[in-house]
Amino acid sequence: MIRDPMTILLSLGLTGAMALGVLWLMLRVQKGKGGREIARGYPADRFPVQELTRSGPLASLATTQARLLAVYAQLPAHSEGAVWLNSFLGELRQVMDVAYRAAGIAQLYGGSTQLERLAAEVQAVEAQLAERLVKRALRNDGDLDEADLDARLAVLRGCVRELGRR
């Protein structure tokens, strides 16, 4: 066992420096993620078959995303709601990407009611989120239970997995 005070202080200093280095690295990675721009709607350069996106479930998803992006722009940058909504918008972008691919396949083989169900589910989450934000604004309370929203997000993820298997 090492009992030399200088060795102990040197070890503590080295451990503290490593912890600060890891914290600095984590903050830099977090800033990189926060600054990531989420593609709005279905840009033509990434989604060439624009006739799929102009109506039906994909148009509904793009409209919902636009409304949520507008809400996100109004929230304080590092608030709990902004952090959660940024995460949700990232998930929604992935859902929209998968839905576009599924719509392309569905166009070849006939319509898909699953895409309509997915769009309806996203709209339900949007309505629930709006209700939560209004309650939070009226009550000015940051400790609202978000378990319902997390459950809805889990349902969306399940829909994406289901669409991905087809």
C-alpha atoms as a PDB file:
ATOM      1  CA  MET A   1       0.000   0.000   0.000  1.00  0.00           C
ATOM      2  CA  ILE A   2       1.362   3.452  -0.970  1.00  0.00           C
ATOM      3  CA  ARG A   3       1.420   5.909   1.939  1.00  0.00           C
ATOM      4  CA  ASP A   4       3.640   8.634   0.511  1.00  0.00           C
ATOM      5  CA  PRO A   5       1.635  11.923   0.556  1.00  0.00           C
ATOM      6  CA  MET A   6       3.201  13.167  -2.666  1.00  0.00           C
ATOM      7  CA  THR A   7       2.218   9.982  -4.518  1.00  0.00           C
ATOM      8  CA  ILE A   8      -1.326  10.245  -3.197  1.00  0.00           C
ATOM      9  CA  LEU A   9      -1.591  13.923  -4.225  1.00  0.00           C
ATOM     10  CA  LEU A  10      -0.133  13.149  -7.652  1.00  0.00           C
ATOM     11  CA  SER A  11      -2.637  10.297  -8.112  1.00  0.00           C
ATOM     12  CA  LEU A  12      -5.538  12.526  -7.066  1.00  0.00           C
ATOM     13  CA  GLY A  13      -4.356  15.299  -9.386  1.00  0.00           C
ATOM     14  CA  LEU A  14      -4.046  12.892 -12.291  1.00  0.00           C
ATOM     15  CA  THR A  15      -7.497  11.444 -11.602  1.00  0.00           C
ATOM     16  CA  GLY A  16      -8.992  14.947 -11.410  1.00  0.00           C
ATOM     17  CA  ALA A  17      -7.319  15.968 -14.674  1.00  0.00           C
ATOM     18  CA  MET A  18      -8.672  12.851 -16.390  1.00  0.00           C
ATOM     19  CA  ALA A  19     -12.181  13.564 -15.064  1.00  0.00           C
ATOM     20  CA  LEU A  20     -12.024  17.148 -16.322  1.00  0.00           C
ATOM     21  CA  GLY A  21     -10.790  15.910 -19.704  1.00  0.00           C
ATOM     22  CA  VAL A  22     -13.682  13.461 -19.987  1.00  0.00           C
ATOM     23  CA  LEU A  23     -16.167  16.163 -18.925  1.00  0.00           C
ATOM     24  CA  TRP A  24     -14.751  18.584 -21.525  1.00  0.00           C
ATOM     25  CA  LEU A  25     -14.999  15.887 -24.212  1.00  0.00           C
ATOM     26  CA  MET A  26     -18.595  15.079 -23.260  1.00  0.00           C
ATOM     27  CA  LEU A  27     -19.569  18.749 -23.407  1.00  0.00           C
ATOM     28  CA  ARG A  28     -18.001  19.127 -26.857  1.00  0.00           C
ATOM     29  CA  VAL A  29     -19.859  16.064 -28.135  1.00  0.00           C
ATOM     30  CA  GLN A  30     -23.111  17.390 -26.627  1.00  0.00           C
ATOM     31  CA  LYS A  31     -22.615  20.780 -28.334  1.00  0.00           C
ATOM     32  CA  GLY A  32     -22.059  18.972 -31.635  1.00  0.00           C
ATOM     33  CA  LYS A  33     -25.306  17.077 -31.260  1.00  0.00           C
ATOM     34  CA  GLY A  34     -27.278  20.144 -30.195  1.00  0.00           C
ATOM     35  CA  GLY A  35     -26.165  22.098 -33.246  1.00  0.00           C
ATOM     36  CA  ARG A  36     -27.275  19.407 -35.664  1.00  0.00           C
ATOM     37  CA  GLU A  37     -29.822  20.705 -38.118  1.00  0.00           C
ATOM     38  CA  ILE A  38     -32.872  18.514 -38.651  1.00  0.00           C
ATOM     39  CA  ALA A  39     -33.984  18.361 -42.283  1.00  0.00           C
ATOM     40  CA  ARG A  40     -37.387  20.000 -42.689  1.00  0.00           C
ATOM     41  CA  GLY A  41     -40.026  18.030 -44.539  1.00  0.00           C
ATOM     42  CA  TYR A  42     -38.863  16.070 -47.558  1.00  0.00           C
ATOM     43  CA  PRO A  43     -36.191  18.073 -49.421  1.00  0.00           C
ATOM     44  CA  ALA A  44     -36.025  17.155 -53.117  1.00  0.00           C
ATOM     45  CA  ASP A  45     -32.279  16.496 -53.043  1.00  0.00           C
ATOM     46  CA  ARG A  46     -32.712  13.698 -50.465  1.00  0.00           C
ATOM     47  CA  PHE A  47     -36.196  12.538 -51.462  1.00  0.00           C
ATOM     48  CA  PRO A  48     -36.401  12.572 -55.262  1.00  0.00           C
ATOM     49  CA  VAL A  49     -39.923  11.131 -55.670  1.00  0.00           C
ATOM     50  CA  GLN A  50     -41.727  14.280 -54.571  1.00  0.00           C
ATOM     51  CA  GLU A  51     -45.182  13.109 -55.644  1.00  0.00           C
ATOM     52  CA  LEU A  52     -45.090  10.703 -52.667  1.00  0.00           C
ATOM     53  CA  THR A  53     -44.540  13.566 -50.250  1.00  0.00           C
ATOM     54  CA  ARG A  54     -47.160  16.032 -51.470  1.00  0.00           C
ATOM     55  CA  SER A  55     -50.212  14.249 -50.083  1.00  0.00           C
ATOM     56  CA  GLY A  56     -51.305  11.495 -47.759  1.00  0.00           C
ATOM     57  CA  PRO A  57     -49.403  10.270 -44.712  1.00  0.00           C
ATOM     58  CA  LEU A  58     -46.035  11.722 -45.733  1.00  0.00           C
ATOM     59  CA  ALA A  59     -47.485  15.204 -46.152  1.00  0.00           C
ATOM     60  CA  SER A  60     -49.160  14.801 -42.776  1.00  0.00           C
ATOM     61  CA  LEU A  61     -45.845  13.816 -41.159  1.00  0.00           C
ATOM     62  CA  ALA A  62     -44.098  16.819 -42.753  1.00  0.00           C
ATOM     63  CA  THR A  63     -46.834  19.179 -41.525  1.00  0.00           C
ATOM     64  CA  THR A  64     -46.612  17.780 -38.005  1.00  0.00           C
ATOM     65  CA  GLN A  65     -42.830  18.117 -38.080  1.00  0.00           C
ATOM     66  CA  ALA A  66     -43.118  21.749 -39.224  1.00  0.00           C
ATOM     67  CA  ARG A  67     -45.462  22.574 -36.337  1.00  0.00           C
ATOM     68  CA  LEU A  68     -43.160  20.877 -33.810  1.00  0.00           C
ATOM     69  CA  LEU A  69     -40.113  22.683 -35.225  1.00  0.00           C
ATOM     70  CA  ALA A  70     -41.979  25.973 -34.771  1.00  0.00           C
ATOM     71  CA  VAL A  71     -42.687  25.085 -31.135  1.00  0.00           C
ATOM     72  CA  TYR A  72     -39.057  24.020 -30.656  1.00  0.00           C
ATOM     73  CA  ALA A  73     -37.838  27.387 -31.966  1.00  0.00           C
ATOM     74  CA  GLN A  74     -39.894  29.146 -29.263  1.00  0.00           C
ATOM     75  CA  LEU A  75     -38.538  27.124 -26.325  1.00  0.00           C
ATOM     76  CA  PRO A  76     -35.532  28.252 -24.272  1.00  0.00           C
ATOM     77  CA  ALA A  77     -32.463  26.504 -25.716  1.00  0.00           C
ATOM     78  CA  HIS A  78     -31.525  24.315 -22.749  1.00  0.00           C
ATOM     79  CA  SER A  79     -34.909  23.842 -21.132  1.00  0.00           C
ATOM     80  CA  GLU A  80     -36.189  20.374 -20.360  1.00  0.00           C
ATOM     81  CA  GLY A  81     -38.881  20.721 -23.016  1.00  0.00           C
ATOM     82  CA  ALA A  82     -36.360  21.793 -25.661  1.00  0.00           C
ATOM     83  CA  VAL A  83     -34.040  18.896 -24.879  1.00  0.00           C
ATOM     84  CA  TRP A  84     -36.886  16.381 -25.013  1.00  0.00           C
ATOM     85  CA  LEU A  85     -38.399  17.917 -28.152  1.00  0.00           C
ATOM     86  CA  ASN A  86     -35.016  17.943 -29.920  1.00  0.00           C
ATOM     87  CA  SER A  87     -34.682  14.235 -29.192  1.00  0.00           C
ATOM     88  CA  PHE A  88     -38.237  13.606 -30.378  1.00  0.00           C
ATOM     89  CA  LEU A  89     -37.644  15.609 -33.569  1.00  0.00           C
ATOM     90  CA  GLY A  90     -34.575  13.472 -34.277  1.00  0.00           C
ATOM     91  CA  GLU A  91     -36.659  10.320 -33.851  1.00  0.00           C
ATOM     92  CA  LEU A  92     -39.429  11.809 -35.983  1.00  0.00           C
ATOM     93  CA  ARG A  93     -36.914  12.558 -38.757  1.00  0.00           C
ATOM     94  CA  GLN A  94     -35.899   8.879 -38.734  1.00  0.00           C
ATOM     95  CA  VAL A  95     -39.559   7.845 -38.803  1.00  0.00           C
ATOM     96  CA  MET A  96     -40.145  10.150 -41.769  1.00  0.00           C
ATOM     97  CA  ASP A  97     -37.158   8.686 -43.630  1.00  0.00           C
ATOM     98  CA  VAL A  98     -38.406   5.128 -43.117  1.00  0.00           C
ATOM     99  CA  ALA A  99     -41.961   6.153 -44.019  1.00  0.00           C
ATOM    100  CA  TYR A 100     -40.695   7.625 -47.314  1.00  0.00           C
ATOM    101  CA  ARG A 101     -38.977   4.355 -48.214  1.00  0.00           C
ATOM    102  CA  ALA A 102     -42.067   2.386 -47.169  1.00  0.00           C
ATOM    103  CA  ALA A 103     -44.299   4.677 -49.253  1.00  0.00           C
ATOM    104  CA  GLY A 104     -42.110   4.026 -52.288  1.00  0.00           C
ATOM    105  CA  ILE A 105     -42.506   0.294 -51.800  1.00  0.00           C
ATOM    106  CA  ALA A 106     -46.243   0.632 -51.070  1.00  0.00           C
ATOM    107  CA  GLN A 107     -46.667   2.600 -54.306  1.00  0.00           C
ATOM    108  CA  LEU A 108     -45.315  -0.382 -56.225  1.00  0.00           C
ATOM    109  CA  TYR A 109     -47.472  -2.941 -54.427  1.00  0.00           C
ATOM    110  CA  GLY A 110     -50.570  -0.973 -53.461  1.00  0.00           C
ATOM    111  CA  GLY A 111     -51.468   1.417 -50.639  1.00  0.00           C
ATOM    112  CA  SER A 112     -50.415   1.012 -47.043  1.00  0.00           C
ATOM    113  CA  THR A 113     -52.752   1.696 -44.142  1.00  0.00           C
ATOM    114  CA  GLN A 114     -49.784   1.333 -41.787  1.00  0.00           C
ATOM    115  CA  LEU A 115     -48.411   4.665 -42.988  1.00  0.00           C
ATOM    116  CA  GLU A 116     -51.749   6.304 -42.258  1.00  0.00           C
ATOM    117  CA  ARG A 117     -51.750   4.761 -38.789  1.00  0.00           C
ATOM    118  CA  LEU A 118     -48.205   6.012 -38.238  1.00  0.00           C
ATOM    119  CA  ALA A 119     -49.164   9.563 -39.271  1.00  0.00           C
ATOM    120  CA  ALA A 120     -52.176   9.446 -36.933  1.00  0.00           C
ATOM    121  CA  GLU A 121     -49.958   8.253 -34.075  1.00  0.00           C
ATOM    122  CA  VAL A 122     -47.503  11.104 -34.655  1.00  0.00           C
ATOM    123  CA  GLN A 123     -50.399  13.587 -34.636  1.00  0.00           C
ATOM    124  CA  ALA A 124     -51.625  12.110 -31.345  1.00  0.00           C
ATOM    125  CA  VAL A 125     -48.160  12.562 -29.826  1.00  0.00           C
ATOM    126  CA  GLU A 126     -48.087  16.145 -31.126  1.00  0.00           C
ATOM    127  CA  ALA A 127     -51.459  16.891 -29.507  1.00  0.00           C
ATOM    128  CA  GLN A 128     -50.324  15.371 -26.241  1.00  0.00           C
ATOM    129  CA  LEU A 129     -47.079  17.335 -26.359  1.00  0.00           C
ATOM    130  CA  ALA A 130     -48.962  20.579 -26.993  1.00  0.00           C
ATOM    131  CA  GLU A 131     -51.207  19.845 -24.021  1.00  0.00           C
ATOM    132  CA  ARG A 132     -48.176  19.209 -21.815  1.00  0.00           C
ATOM    133  CA  LEU A 133     -46.469  22.409 -22.925  1.00  0.00           C
ATOM    134  CA  VAL A 134     -49.604  24.438 -22.241  1.00  0.00           C
ATOM    135  CA  LYS A 135     -49.967  22.891 -18.784  1.00  0.00           C
ATOM    136  CA  ARG A 136     -46.311  23.574 -18.064  1.00  0.00           C
ATOM    137  CA  ALA A 137     -46.638  27.166 -19.210  1.00  0.00           C
ATOM    138  CA  LEU A 138     -49.781  27.701 -17.134  1.00  0.00           C
ATOM    139  CA  ARG A 139     -48.486  25.967 -14.014  1.00  0.00           C
ATOM    140  CA  ASN A 140     -44.841  26.920 -14.523  1.00  0.00           C
ATOM    141  CA  ASP A 141     -43.946  23.465 -13.219  1.00  0.00           C
ATOM    142  CA  GLY A 142     -40.945  21.528 -14.590  1.00  0.00           C
ATOM    143  CA  ASP A 143     -41.752  18.214 -12.912  1.00  0.00           C
ATOM    144  CA  LEU A 144     -44.673  17.026 -15.053  1.00  0.00           C
ATOM    145  CA  ASP A 145     -44.820  13.317 -15.686  1.00  0.00           C
ATOM    146  CA  GLU A 146     -43.668  12.576 -19.254  1.00  0.00           C
ATOM    147  CA  ALA A 147     -44.223   8.825 -19.080  1.00  0.00           C
ATOM    148  CA  ASP A 148     -47.178   9.049 -21.476  1.00  0.00           C
ATOM    149  CA  LEU A 149     -45.058  10.814 -24.086  1.00  0.00           C
ATOM    150  CA  ASP A 150     -42.293   8.250 -23.659  1.00  0.00           C
ATOM    151  CA  ALA A 151     -44.851   5.484 -24.176  1.00  0.00           C
ATOM    152  CA  ARG A 152     -46.061   7.156 -27.378  1.00  0.00           C
ATOM    153  CA  LEU A 153     -42.476   7.433 -28.580  1.00  0.00           C
ATOM    154  CA  ALA A 154     -42.030   3.721 -27.896  1.00  0.00           C
ATOM    155  CA  VAL A 155     -45.129   3.027 -30.022  1.00  0.00           C
ATOM    156  CA  LEU A 156     -43.628   5.113 -32.831  1.00  0.00           C
ATOM    157  CA  ARG A 157     -40.393   3.155 -32.624  1.00  0.00           C
ATOM    158  CA  GLY A 158     -42.402  -0.062 -32.817  1.00  0.00           C
ATOM    159  CA  CYS A 159     -44.162   1.201 -35.938  1.00  0.00           C
ATOM    160  CA  VAL A 160     -40.822   2.004 -37.529  1.00  0.00           C
ATOM    161  CA  ARG A 161     -39.504  -1.482 -36.750  1.00  0.00           C
ATOM    162  CA  GLU A 162     -42.705  -2.972 -38.174  1.00  0.00           C
ATOM    163  CA  LEU A 163     -42.386  -0.890 -41.333  1.00  0.00           C
ATOM    164  CA  GLY A 164     -38.730  -1.808 -41.640  1.00  0.00           C
ATOM    165  CA  ARG A 165     -39.509  -5.522 -41.639  1.00  0.00           C
ATOM    166  CA  ARG A 166     -41.855  -5.239 -44.572  1.00  0.00           C
END
